[in-house]
Amino acid sequence: MRSGVLDKKSIRQNISSELQAMDRMTYEQFSYLIGNVLVETDDWKSSGTIGLTVSRFPEVDTWQLIRTGWEQGKRIVVPKCIPETKGMSFRRISAFTQLESSFFGLFEPIESQTEEISKDEIDLLIVPGLVYSRKGYRTGFGGGYYDRFLTDYHGKTVSLAFSRQLAEHVPVEEHDIPVEKIITEKGLIDCNNVN
């Protein structure tokens, strides 16, 4: 765990390097453990519509979670970024063939093959990030897309992270909204109950 306060740019660089150095076997094992914890939570079980990003290494693998959601009859919605406004919408996918590679190598839904789902319909949102405090504050990837989306989102929020992404201190700005829970390979952190 890192201690001391660093600026967001330094934090992003440090944790990105650390995650990139993770070996594939550890990555797959930890992603599997994290996914298993998530699908056993009441948050997952009680949610009909789940919003999450389509991961790319070294983010916690969400591909299997998407498959599991489909197998359980859940509506899976993934983000489509709108760079001009730095906003995003979520669109329902029912097959990986409905994705295309977009800017920064992200996988996003093909608009002509997917339908937009309003944020009020998303029961559970899996919020990505690079570094997290145990109180649920996060440093993201720098675009601010989720910060803006969360301002008027009222559903449940969970982040998936490797334990090495937890830090003692994360710079917090006035507009930052913490997630409710963080799941690592070591288990679930209820951010509302952290002192």
N, C-alpha and C. Protein backbone atom coordinates (compact mmCIF):
# COMPACT_ATOMS: atom_id res chain seq x y z
N MET A 1 0.83 -1.18 0.00
CA MET A 1 0.00 0.00 0.00
C MET A 1 0.87 1.24 0.00
N ARG A 2 0.51 2.19 -0.81
CA ARG A 2 1.26 3.42 -0.87
C ARG A 2 0.83 4.37 0.24
N SER A 3 1.77 5.14 0.74
CA SER A 3 1.39 6.15 1.72
C SER A 3 1.93 7.48 1.24
N GLY A 4 1.42 8.54 1.82
CA GLY A 4 1.81 9.88 1.40
C GLY A 4 0.92 10.34 0.28
N VAL A 5 0.83 11.63 0.15
CA VAL A 5 -0.05 12.20 -0.85
C VAL A 5 0.76 12.59 -2.08
N LEU A 6 0.37 12.09 -3.21
CA LEU A 6 0.99 12.44 -4.48
C LEU A 6 -0.07 13.09 -5.35
N ASP A 7 0.35 13.82 -6.37
CA ASP A 7 -0.64 14.38 -7.28
C ASP A 7 -1.19 13.27 -8.17
N LYS A 8 -2.34 13.54 -8.78
CA LYS A 8 -3.03 12.49 -9.55
C LYS A 8 -2.19 11.96 -10.71
N LYS A 9 -1.44 12.84 -11.37
CA LYS A 9 -0.63 12.39 -12.50
C LYS A 9 0.43 11.39 -12.04
N SER A 10 1.11 11.69 -10.93
CA SER A 10 2.13 10.77 -10.40
C SER A 10 1.50 9.46 -9.97
N ILE A 11 0.35 9.55 -9.33
CA ILE A 11 -0.35 8.33 -8.89
C ILE A 11 -0.68 7.46 -10.10
N ARG A 12 -1.22 8.08 -11.15
CA ARG A 12 -1.57 7.32 -12.36
C ARG A 12 -0.35 6.62 -12.95
N GLN A 13 0.76 7.36 -13.04
CA GLN A 13 1.98 6.78 -13.63
C GLN A 13 2.50 5.63 -12.78
N ASN A 14 2.54 5.82 -11.47
CA ASN A 14 3.08 4.79 -10.57
C ASN A 14 2.26 3.51 -10.62
N ILE A 15 0.95 3.63 -10.48
CA ILE A 15 0.12 2.42 -10.43
C ILE A 15 0.04 1.76 -11.81
N SER A 16 0.04 2.56 -12.88
CA SER A 16 0.02 1.98 -14.23
C SER A 16 1.24 1.11 -14.45
N SER A 17 2.41 1.60 -14.05
CA SER A 17 3.64 0.82 -14.20
C SER A 17 3.57 -0.46 -13.38
N GLU A 18 3.07 -0.35 -12.17
CA GLU A 18 2.97 -1.51 -11.29
C GLU A 18 2.02 -2.56 -11.87
N LEU A 19 0.89 -2.11 -12.40
CA LEU A 19 -0.09 -3.05 -12.96
C LEU A 19 0.44 -3.70 -14.24
N GLN A 20 1.12 -2.92 -15.07
CA GLN A 20 1.68 -3.46 -16.32
C GLN A 20 2.70 -4.56 -16.04
N ALA A 21 3.35 -4.49 -14.88
CA ALA A 21 4.37 -5.48 -14.53
C ALA A 21 3.78 -6.79 -13.97
N MET A 22 2.47 -6.82 -13.75
CA MET A 22 1.83 -8.01 -13.20
C MET A 22 1.91 -9.16 -14.21
N ASP A 23 2.29 -10.35 -13.73
CA ASP A 23 2.36 -11.48 -14.66
C ASP A 23 0.95 -11.98 -14.98
N ARG A 24 0.83 -12.60 -16.12
CA ARG A 24 -0.48 -13.00 -16.64
C ARG A 24 -1.21 -13.98 -15.71
N MET A 25 -0.49 -14.91 -15.11
CA MET A 25 -1.13 -15.90 -14.25
C MET A 25 -1.74 -15.22 -13.01
N THR A 26 -1.00 -14.32 -12.40
CA THR A 26 -1.51 -13.58 -11.24
C THR A 26 -2.72 -12.75 -11.64
N TYR A 27 -2.61 -12.08 -12.78
CA TYR A 27 -3.72 -11.26 -13.29
C TYR A 27 -4.99 -12.10 -13.44
N GLU A 28 -4.87 -13.24 -14.09
CA GLU A 28 -6.04 -14.09 -14.33
C GLU A 28 -6.60 -14.66 -13.03
N GLN A 29 -5.72 -15.09 -12.14
CA GLN A 29 -6.17 -15.66 -10.86
C GLN A 29 -6.89 -14.61 -10.02
N PHE A 30 -6.30 -13.43 -9.89
CA PHE A 30 -6.91 -12.37 -9.09
C PHE A 30 -8.22 -11.89 -9.71
N SER A 31 -8.26 -11.76 -11.03
CA SER A 31 -9.51 -11.35 -11.71
C SER A 31 -10.62 -12.36 -11.43
N TYR A 32 -10.27 -13.64 -11.48
CA TYR A 32 -11.24 -14.71 -11.21
C TYR A 32 -11.78 -14.59 -9.78
N LEU A 33 -10.89 -14.40 -8.81
CA LEU A 33 -11.31 -14.26 -7.41
C LEU A 33 -12.23 -13.05 -7.23
N ILE A 34 -11.87 -11.94 -7.83
CA ILE A 34 -12.66 -10.71 -7.71
C ILE A 34 -14.05 -10.92 -8.32
N GLY A 35 -14.09 -11.52 -9.50
CA GLY A 35 -15.36 -11.79 -10.16
C GLY A 35 -16.26 -12.69 -9.35
N ASN A 36 -15.67 -13.71 -8.74
CA ASN A 36 -16.46 -14.63 -7.90
C ASN A 36 -17.08 -13.92 -6.71
N VAL A 37 -16.34 -13.02 -6.08
CA VAL A 37 -16.90 -12.26 -4.96
C VAL A 37 -18.06 -11.40 -5.44
N LEU A 38 -17.86 -10.71 -6.57
CA LEU A 38 -18.91 -9.81 -7.08
C LEU A 38 -20.21 -10.55 -7.34
N VAL A 39 -20.17 -11.67 -8.05
CA VAL A 39 -21.41 -12.34 -8.44
C VAL A 39 -22.14 -12.98 -7.26
N GLU A 40 -21.48 -13.07 -6.12
CA GLU A 40 -22.12 -13.59 -4.91
C GLU A 40 -22.71 -12.48 -4.03
N THR A 41 -22.51 -11.22 -4.41
CA THR A 41 -23.04 -10.12 -3.59
C THR A 41 -24.53 -9.93 -3.86
N ASP A 42 -25.23 -9.39 -2.87
CA ASP A 42 -26.64 -9.04 -3.07
C ASP A 42 -26.77 -7.97 -4.14
N ASP A 43 -25.78 -7.07 -4.22
CA ASP A 43 -25.83 -6.02 -5.24
C ASP A 43 -25.94 -6.63 -6.64
N TRP A 44 -25.13 -7.63 -6.93
CA TRP A 44 -25.17 -8.29 -8.24
C TRP A 44 -26.47 -9.08 -8.39
N LYS A 45 -26.76 -9.90 -7.39
CA LYS A 45 -27.92 -10.80 -7.49
C LYS A 45 -29.23 -10.05 -7.66
N SER A 46 -29.37 -8.90 -7.03
CA SER A 46 -30.63 -8.15 -7.08
C SER A 46 -30.72 -7.19 -8.25
N SER A 47 -29.68 -7.11 -9.06
CA SER A 47 -29.65 -6.15 -10.17
C SER A 47 -30.06 -6.80 -11.48
N GLY A 48 -30.99 -6.15 -12.17
CA GLY A 48 -31.41 -6.63 -13.48
C GLY A 48 -30.57 -6.04 -14.60
N THR A 49 -30.11 -4.80 -14.40
CA THR A 49 -29.30 -4.12 -15.41
C THR A 49 -27.98 -3.70 -14.77
N ILE A 50 -26.89 -4.14 -15.38
CA ILE A 50 -25.56 -3.89 -14.83
C ILE A 50 -24.72 -3.15 -15.87
N GLY A 51 -24.14 -2.03 -15.44
CA GLY A 51 -23.26 -1.24 -16.30
C GLY A 51 -21.81 -1.50 -15.95
N LEU A 52 -21.01 -1.79 -16.96
CA LEU A 52 -19.58 -1.99 -16.72
C LEU A 52 -18.80 -1.77 -17.99
N THR A 53 -17.52 -1.47 -17.83
CA THR A 53 -16.66 -1.30 -18.99
C THR A 53 -16.19 -2.66 -19.49
N VAL A 54 -15.79 -2.70 -20.74
CA VAL A 54 -15.18 -3.90 -21.30
C VAL A 54 -13.68 -3.73 -21.06
N SER A 55 -13.14 -4.57 -20.20
CA SER A 55 -11.77 -4.38 -19.71
C SER A 55 -10.73 -4.66 -20.78
N ARG A 56 -9.56 -4.11 -20.50
CA ARG A 56 -8.35 -4.46 -21.24
C ARG A 56 -7.23 -4.53 -20.22
N PHE A 57 -6.28 -5.42 -20.45
CA PHE A 57 -5.18 -5.60 -19.51
C PHE A 57 -4.50 -4.25 -19.28
N PRO A 58 -4.19 -3.92 -18.01
CA PRO A 58 -4.23 -4.70 -16.79
C PRO A 58 -5.44 -4.41 -15.88
N GLU A 59 -6.55 -3.94 -16.45
CA GLU A 59 -7.75 -3.75 -15.63
C GLU A 59 -8.30 -5.11 -15.23
N VAL A 60 -8.99 -5.18 -14.09
CA VAL A 60 -9.63 -6.43 -13.68
C VAL A 60 -10.51 -6.91 -14.85
N ASP A 61 -10.37 -8.17 -15.20
CA ASP A 61 -11.06 -8.74 -16.35
C ASP A 61 -12.58 -8.73 -16.15
N THR A 62 -13.30 -8.07 -17.06
CA THR A 62 -14.77 -8.04 -16.98
C THR A 62 -15.43 -8.91 -18.05
N TRP A 63 -14.66 -9.49 -18.96
CA TRP A 63 -15.25 -10.29 -20.03
C TRP A 63 -16.07 -11.45 -19.47
N GLN A 64 -15.51 -12.16 -18.48
CA GLN A 64 -16.23 -13.29 -17.90
C GLN A 64 -17.46 -12.81 -17.12
N LEU A 65 -17.37 -11.65 -16.50
CA LEU A 65 -18.53 -11.10 -15.78
C LEU A 65 -19.66 -10.78 -16.75
N ILE A 66 -19.30 -10.28 -17.91
CA ILE A 66 -20.32 -9.99 -18.93
C ILE A 66 -21.00 -11.30 -19.36
N ARG A 67 -20.20 -12.33 -19.61
CA ARG A 67 -20.77 -13.65 -19.98
C ARG A 67 -21.68 -14.17 -18.87
N THR A 68 -21.22 -14.07 -17.63
CA THR A 68 -22.02 -14.54 -16.50
C THR A 68 -23.34 -13.78 -16.42
N GLY A 69 -23.28 -12.48 -16.61
CA GLY A 69 -24.50 -11.67 -16.61
C GLY A 69 -25.48 -12.14 -17.67
N TRP A 70 -24.98 -12.37 -18.87
CA TRP A 70 -25.86 -12.86 -19.94
C TRP A 70 -26.47 -14.21 -19.56
N GLU A 71 -25.65 -15.11 -19.04
CA GLU A 71 -26.14 -16.45 -18.65
C GLU A 71 -27.22 -16.35 -17.58
N GLN A 72 -27.15 -15.33 -16.73
CA GLN A 72 -28.13 -15.15 -15.66
C GLN A 72 -29.32 -14.29 -16.09
N GLY A 73 -29.36 -13.92 -17.36
CA GLY A 73 -30.49 -13.15 -17.87
C GLY A 73 -30.46 -11.67 -17.52
N LYS A 74 -29.29 -11.15 -17.18
CA LYS A 74 -29.18 -9.73 -16.84
C LYS A 74 -28.95 -8.90 -18.10
N ARG A 75 -29.40 -7.66 -18.04
CA ARG A 75 -29.11 -6.72 -19.13
C ARG A 75 -27.74 -6.13 -18.85
N ILE A 76 -26.83 -6.31 -19.79
CA ILE A 76 -25.48 -5.78 -19.66
C ILE A 76 -25.37 -4.54 -20.54
N VAL A 77 -24.96 -3.44 -19.91
CA VAL A 77 -24.81 -2.18 -20.64
C VAL A 77 -23.38 -1.69 -20.47
N VAL A 78 -22.82 -1.19 -21.57
CA VAL A 78 -21.43 -0.73 -21.55
C VAL A 78 -21.38 0.71 -22.06
N PRO A 79 -20.35 1.45 -21.63
CA PRO A 79 -20.31 2.88 -21.96
C PRO A 79 -19.86 3.18 -23.38
N LYS A 80 -20.42 4.25 -23.90
CA LYS A 80 -20.01 4.85 -25.17
C LYS A 80 -19.61 6.27 -24.83
N CYS A 81 -18.33 6.58 -24.99
CA CYS A 81 -17.83 7.92 -24.66
C CYS A 81 -18.18 8.90 -25.77
N ILE A 82 -18.45 10.13 -25.36
CA ILE A 82 -18.74 11.21 -26.29
C ILE A 82 -17.66 12.27 -26.06
N PRO A 83 -16.52 12.16 -26.79
CA PRO A 83 -15.37 13.02 -26.52
C PRO A 83 -15.67 14.52 -26.62
N GLU A 84 -16.58 14.90 -27.51
CA GLU A 84 -16.88 16.32 -27.70
C GLU A 84 -17.42 16.96 -26.42
N THR A 85 -18.19 16.21 -25.66
CA THR A 85 -18.79 16.75 -24.44
C THR A 85 -18.19 16.14 -23.17
N LYS A 86 -17.28 15.18 -23.35
CA LYS A 86 -16.72 14.40 -22.23
C LYS A 86 -17.83 13.73 -21.43
N GLY A 87 -18.90 13.39 -22.12
CA GLY A 87 -20.00 12.66 -21.50
C GLY A 87 -19.97 11.22 -21.96
N MET A 88 -20.91 10.44 -21.46
CA MET A 88 -21.02 9.06 -21.94
C MET A 88 -22.44 8.57 -21.75
N SER A 89 -22.78 7.63 -22.60
CA SER A 89 -24.08 6.96 -22.48
C SER A 89 -23.78 5.47 -22.33
N PHE A 90 -24.77 4.73 -21.87
CA PHE A 90 -24.61 3.28 -21.76
C PHE A 90 -25.56 2.61 -22.75
N ARG A 91 -25.04 1.58 -23.43
CA ARG A 91 -25.81 0.88 -24.44
C ARG A 91 -25.80 -0.61 -24.14
N ARG A 92 -26.95 -1.23 -24.37
CA ARG A 92 -27.10 -2.67 -24.08
C ARG A 92 -26.42 -3.49 -25.16
N ILE A 93 -25.61 -4.47 -24.71
CA ILE A 93 -25.02 -5.42 -25.65
C ILE A 93 -25.48 -6.82 -25.28
N SER A 94 -25.63 -7.65 -26.29
CA SER A 94 -26.02 -9.05 -26.06
C SER A 94 -25.03 -10.01 -26.71
N ALA A 95 -23.97 -9.45 -27.33
CA ALA A 95 -22.91 -10.26 -27.93
C ALA A 95 -21.65 -9.41 -28.05
N PHE A 96 -20.49 -10.04 -27.95
CA PHE A 96 -19.24 -9.29 -28.07
C PHE A 96 -19.05 -8.74 -29.48
N THR A 97 -19.74 -9.31 -30.46
CA THR A 97 -19.64 -8.81 -31.83
C THR A 97 -20.28 -7.43 -31.97
N GLN A 98 -20.99 -6.97 -30.95
CA GLN A 98 -21.59 -5.63 -30.98
C GLN A 98 -20.63 -4.56 -30.46
N LEU A 99 -19.35 -4.93 -30.31
CA LEU A 99 -18.33 -4.00 -29.82
C LEU A 99 -17.37 -3.66 -30.95
N GLU A 100 -16.79 -2.46 -30.85
CA GLU A 100 -15.74 -2.05 -31.77
C GLU A 100 -14.65 -1.34 -30.97
N SER A 101 -13.44 -1.37 -31.50
CA SER A 101 -12.34 -0.68 -30.85
C SER A 101 -12.44 0.80 -31.20
N SER A 102 -12.35 1.65 -30.18
CA SER A 102 -12.48 3.09 -30.41
C SER A 102 -11.22 3.79 -29.92
N PHE A 103 -11.35 5.06 -29.58
CA PHE A 103 -10.17 5.82 -29.17
C PHE A 103 -9.53 5.23 -27.91
N PHE A 104 -8.22 5.33 -27.82
CA PHE A 104 -7.42 4.78 -26.72
C PHE A 104 -7.53 3.25 -26.63
N GLY A 105 -8.00 2.59 -27.69
CA GLY A 105 -8.11 1.13 -27.68
C GLY A 105 -9.23 0.58 -26.83
N LEU A 106 -10.18 1.45 -26.46
CA LEU A 106 -11.33 0.99 -25.66
C LEU A 106 -12.29 0.21 -26.54
N PHE A 107 -12.98 -0.75 -25.95
CA PHE A 107 -14.05 -1.45 -26.65
C PHE A 107 -15.36 -0.77 -26.28
N GLU A 108 -16.08 -0.32 -27.30
CA GLU A 108 -17.34 0.38 -27.08
C GLU A 108 -18.43 -0.23 -27.95
N PRO A 109 -19.69 -0.01 -27.56
CA PRO A 109 -20.79 -0.58 -28.35
C PRO A 109 -20.93 0.09 -29.71
N ILE A 110 -21.29 -0.70 -30.70
CA ILE A 110 -21.59 -0.16 -32.03
C ILE A 110 -23.00 0.41 -31.95
N GLU A 111 -23.13 1.70 -32.18
CA GLU A 111 -24.42 2.37 -31.97
C GLU A 111 -25.55 1.77 -32.81
N SER A 112 -25.26 1.41 -34.06
CA SER A 112 -26.32 0.90 -34.94
C SER A 112 -26.82 -0.48 -34.53
N GLN A 113 -26.08 -1.17 -33.65
CA GLN A 113 -26.45 -2.53 -33.24
C GLN A 113 -26.92 -2.61 -31.79
N THR A 114 -26.94 -1.48 -31.11
CA THR A 114 -27.26 -1.49 -29.67
C THR A 114 -28.25 -0.39 -29.35
N GLU A 115 -28.93 -0.54 -28.20
CA GLU A 115 -29.87 0.49 -27.79
C GLU A 115 -29.35 1.20 -26.54
N GLU A 116 -29.60 2.51 -26.50
CA GLU A 116 -29.18 3.29 -25.33
C GLU A 116 -30.12 3.00 -24.17
N ILE A 117 -29.54 2.88 -22.98
CA ILE A 117 -30.29 2.63 -21.75
C ILE A 117 -30.07 3.83 -20.84
N SER A 118 -31.14 4.36 -20.28
CA SER A 118 -31.00 5.55 -19.42
C SER A 118 -30.31 5.17 -18.12
N LYS A 119 -29.64 6.14 -17.51
CA LYS A 119 -28.91 5.85 -16.27
C LYS A 119 -29.84 5.44 -15.15
N ASP A 120 -31.10 5.88 -15.20
CA ASP A 120 -32.07 5.49 -14.17
C ASP A 120 -32.39 4.00 -14.22
N GLU A 121 -32.14 3.36 -15.35
CA GLU A 121 -32.41 1.93 -15.50
C GLU A 121 -31.25 1.05 -15.04
N ILE A 122 -30.09 1.64 -14.79
CA ILE A 122 -28.91 0.87 -14.39
C ILE A 122 -28.96 0.65 -12.89
N ASP A 123 -29.12 -0.60 -12.49
CA ASP A 123 -29.23 -0.94 -11.06
C ASP A 123 -27.87 -0.94 -10.37
N LEU A 124 -26.86 -1.44 -11.07
CA LEU A 124 -25.52 -1.57 -10.51
C LEU A 124 -24.52 -1.07 -11.53
N LEU A 125 -23.65 -0.17 -11.09
CA LEU A 125 -22.61 0.38 -11.97
C LEU A 125 -21.25 -0.03 -11.43
N ILE A 126 -20.48 -0.72 -12.26
CA ILE A 126 -19.11 -1.09 -11.91
C ILE A 126 -18.22 0.06 -12.40
N VAL A 127 -17.64 0.79 -11.45
CA VAL A 127 -16.92 2.03 -11.75
C VAL A 127 -15.42 1.74 -11.84
N PRO A 128 -14.81 2.01 -13.00
CA PRO A 128 -13.38 1.75 -13.14
C PRO A 128 -12.53 2.84 -12.49
N GLY A 129 -11.26 2.52 -12.30
CA GLY A 129 -10.33 3.49 -11.76
C GLY A 129 -8.94 2.88 -11.67
N LEU A 130 -7.99 3.71 -11.28
CA LEU A 130 -6.61 3.24 -11.13
C LEU A 130 -6.21 3.06 -9.67
N VAL A 131 -6.61 4.00 -8.83
CA VAL A 131 -6.22 3.97 -7.42
C VAL A 131 -7.44 4.30 -6.58
N TYR A 132 -7.56 3.61 -5.44
CA TYR A 132 -8.74 3.79 -4.57
C TYR A 132 -8.31 3.95 -3.12
N SER A 133 -9.08 4.77 -2.40
CA SER A 133 -8.96 4.78 -0.94
C SER A 133 -10.02 3.83 -0.40
N ARG A 134 -9.85 3.39 0.82
CA ARG A 134 -10.84 2.49 1.43
C ARG A 134 -12.17 3.19 1.66
N LYS A 135 -12.20 4.50 1.57
CA LYS A 135 -13.45 5.24 1.71
C LYS A 135 -14.19 5.35 0.37
N GLY A 136 -13.62 4.76 -0.67
CA GLY A 136 -14.29 4.71 -1.96
C GLY A 136 -13.92 5.80 -2.94
N TYR A 137 -13.03 6.69 -2.55
CA TYR A 137 -12.59 7.72 -3.49
C TYR A 137 -11.60 7.10 -4.46
N ARG A 138 -11.62 7.60 -5.69
CA ARG A 138 -10.81 6.98 -6.72
C ARG A 138 -10.12 8.02 -7.58
N THR A 139 -9.01 7.61 -8.12
CA THR A 139 -8.35 8.37 -9.18
C THR A 139 -8.56 7.54 -10.43
N GLY A 140 -9.21 8.14 -11.41
CA GLY A 140 -9.51 7.43 -12.64
C GLY A 140 -8.40 7.57 -13.66
N PHE A 141 -8.77 7.48 -14.92
CA PHE A 141 -7.79 7.50 -15.99
C PHE A 141 -7.56 8.90 -16.55
N GLY A 142 -8.24 9.89 -15.99
CA GLY A 142 -7.94 11.27 -16.36
C GLY A 142 -8.95 11.96 -17.25
N GLY A 143 -9.93 11.25 -17.75
CA GLY A 143 -10.91 11.88 -18.64
C GLY A 143 -12.08 12.52 -17.91
N GLY A 144 -12.36 12.08 -16.70
CA GLY A 144 -13.46 12.64 -15.93
C GLY A 144 -14.84 12.16 -16.36
N TYR A 145 -14.89 11.17 -17.25
CA TYR A 145 -16.18 10.70 -17.76
C TYR A 145 -17.06 10.15 -16.64
N TYR A 146 -16.52 9.30 -15.80
CA TYR A 146 -17.33 8.72 -14.72
C TYR A 146 -17.66 9.75 -13.65
N ASP A 147 -16.75 10.68 -13.38
CA ASP A 147 -17.05 11.73 -12.39
C ASP A 147 -18.31 12.48 -12.81
N ARG A 148 -18.40 12.82 -14.08
CA ARG A 148 -19.58 13.54 -14.57
C ARG A 148 -20.82 12.64 -14.54
N PHE A 149 -20.67 11.38 -14.94
CA PHE A 149 -21.81 10.47 -14.99
C PHE A 149 -22.39 10.23 -13.60
N LEU A 150 -21.53 10.12 -12.60
CA LEU A 150 -21.97 9.79 -11.24
C LEU A 150 -22.71 10.93 -10.53
N THR A 151 -22.61 12.16 -11.03
CA THR A 151 -23.21 13.29 -10.30
C THR A 151 -24.71 13.11 -10.08
N ASP A 152 -25.41 12.51 -11.02
CA ASP A 152 -26.85 12.31 -10.83
C ASP A 152 -27.26 10.85 -11.05
N TYR A 153 -26.33 9.94 -10.76
CA TYR A 153 -26.63 8.51 -10.82
C TYR A 153 -27.02 8.07 -9.41
N HIS A 154 -28.12 7.33 -9.29
CA HIS A 154 -28.64 6.98 -7.96
C HIS A 154 -28.64 5.48 -7.67
N GLY A 155 -28.07 4.68 -8.56
CA GLY A 155 -28.01 3.24 -8.33
C GLY A 155 -26.82 2.87 -7.45
N LYS A 156 -26.55 1.57 -7.38
CA LYS A 156 -25.45 1.05 -6.56
C LYS A 156 -24.13 1.16 -7.33
N THR A 157 -23.04 1.40 -6.60
CA THR A 157 -21.73 1.51 -7.23
C THR A 157 -20.72 0.59 -6.55
N VAL A 158 -19.98 -0.12 -7.38
CA VAL A 158 -18.93 -1.02 -6.92
C VAL A 158 -17.73 -0.84 -7.84
N SER A 159 -16.54 -0.91 -7.29
CA SER A 159 -15.33 -0.92 -8.11
C SER A 159 -14.60 -2.24 -7.92
N LEU A 160 -13.97 -2.70 -8.98
CA LEU A 160 -13.17 -3.92 -8.95
C LEU A 160 -11.72 -3.50 -9.08
N ALA A 161 -10.88 -3.96 -8.15
CA ALA A 161 -9.48 -3.53 -8.16
C ALA A 161 -8.59 -4.61 -7.58
N PHE A 162 -7.35 -4.58 -7.97
CA PHE A 162 -6.35 -5.43 -7.33
C PHE A 162 -5.92 -4.72 -6.05
N SER A 163 -5.57 -5.48 -5.03
CA SER A 163 -5.24 -4.86 -3.74
C SER A 163 -4.10 -3.86 -3.86
N ARG A 164 -3.23 -4.04 -4.83
CA ARG A 164 -2.12 -3.08 -5.02
C ARG A 164 -2.63 -1.73 -5.51
N GLN A 165 -3.90 -1.63 -5.87
CA GLN A 165 -4.49 -0.35 -6.29
C GLN A 165 -5.06 0.44 -5.12
N LEU A 166 -5.01 -0.12 -3.92
CA LEU A 166 -5.48 0.60 -2.74
C LEU A 166 -4.37 1.47 -2.20
N ALA A 167 -4.72 2.68 -1.80
CA ALA A 167 -3.74 3.62 -1.27
C ALA A 167 -4.26 4.24 0.02
N GLU A 168 -3.35 4.66 0.86
CA GLU A 168 -3.73 5.34 2.11
C GLU A 168 -4.44 6.65 1.80
N HIS A 169 -3.89 7.38 0.82
CA HIS A 169 -4.42 8.70 0.49
C HIS A 169 -4.66 8.80 -1.01
N VAL A 170 -5.81 9.29 -1.38
CA VAL A 170 -6.14 9.57 -2.76
C VAL A 170 -6.57 11.03 -2.79
N PRO A 171 -5.99 11.84 -3.68
CA PRO A 171 -6.41 13.24 -3.74
C PRO A 171 -7.92 13.33 -4.02
N VAL A 172 -8.62 14.09 -3.21
CA VAL A 172 -10.07 14.23 -3.35
C VAL A 172 -10.39 15.67 -3.71
N GLU A 173 -11.21 15.82 -4.74
CA GLU A 173 -11.67 17.14 -5.14
C GLU A 173 -13.14 17.27 -4.80
N GLU A 174 -13.62 18.49 -4.80
CA GLU A 174 -14.99 18.79 -4.37
C GLU A 174 -16.04 17.97 -5.12
N HIS A 175 -15.82 17.74 -6.40
CA HIS A 175 -16.82 17.04 -7.23
C HIS A 175 -16.72 15.51 -7.15
N ASP A 176 -15.71 14.97 -6.48
CA ASP A 176 -15.51 13.52 -6.43
C ASP A 176 -16.62 12.82 -5.64
N ILE A 177 -17.11 11.73 -6.19
CA ILE A 177 -18.16 10.94 -5.56
C ILE A 177 -17.60 9.54 -5.31
N PRO A 178 -17.57 9.10 -4.05
CA PRO A 178 -17.00 7.78 -3.76
C PRO A 178 -17.92 6.65 -4.21
N VAL A 179 -17.31 5.49 -4.48
CA VAL A 179 -18.09 4.28 -4.73
C VAL A 179 -18.48 3.70 -3.38
N GLU A 180 -19.52 2.87 -3.39
CA GLU A 180 -20.02 2.29 -2.14
C GLU A 180 -19.19 1.09 -1.67
N LYS A 181 -18.68 0.33 -2.64
CA LYS A 181 -17.92 -0.88 -2.30
C LYS A 181 -16.77 -1.06 -3.27
N ILE A 182 -15.72 -1.69 -2.78
CA ILE A 182 -14.58 -2.06 -3.60
C ILE A 182 -14.34 -3.56 -3.37
N ILE A 183 -14.14 -4.28 -4.46
CA ILE A 183 -13.83 -5.71 -4.34
C ILE A 183 -12.42 -5.94 -4.87
N THR A 184 -11.57 -6.55 -4.04
CA THR A 184 -10.23 -6.95 -4.46
C THR A 184 -10.13 -8.47 -4.34
N GLU A 185 -8.97 -8.99 -4.72
CA GLU A 185 -8.75 -10.44 -4.58
C GLU A 185 -8.76 -10.88 -3.12
N LYS A 186 -8.68 -9.91 -2.20
CA LYS A 186 -8.69 -10.24 -0.77
C LYS A 186 -10.08 -10.12 -0.16
N GLY A 187 -11.07 -9.67 -0.94
CA GLY A 187 -12.43 -9.59 -0.42
C GLY A 187 -13.10 -8.26 -0.69
N LEU A 188 -14.22 -8.04 0.00
CA LEU A 188 -15.07 -6.87 -0.22
C LEU A 188 -14.83 -5.81 0.86
N ILE A 189 -14.73 -4.56 0.42
CA ILE A 189 -14.61 -3.43 1.33
C ILE A 189 -15.90 -2.63 1.22
N ASP A 190 -16.62 -2.49 2.32
CA ASP A 190 -17.81 -1.64 2.37
C ASP A 190 -17.33 -0.25 2.73
N CYS A 191 -17.24 0.62 1.74
CA CYS A 191 -16.64 1.95 1.92
C CYS A 191 -17.43 2.83 2.87
N ASN A 192 -18.71 2.56 3.03
CA ASN A 192 -19.54 3.36 3.93
C ASN A 192 -19.23 3.07 5.39
N ASN A 193 -18.55 1.96 5.66
CA ASN A 193 -18.24 1.57 7.04
C ASN A 193 -16.76 1.68 7.37
N VAL A 194 -16.02 2.47 6.58
CA VAL A 194 -14.59 2.67 6.83
C VAL A 194 -14.42 3.97 7.59
N ASN A 195 -13.68 3.92 8.69
CA ASN A 195 -13.42 5.14 9.48
C ASN A 195 -12.21 5.87 8.95
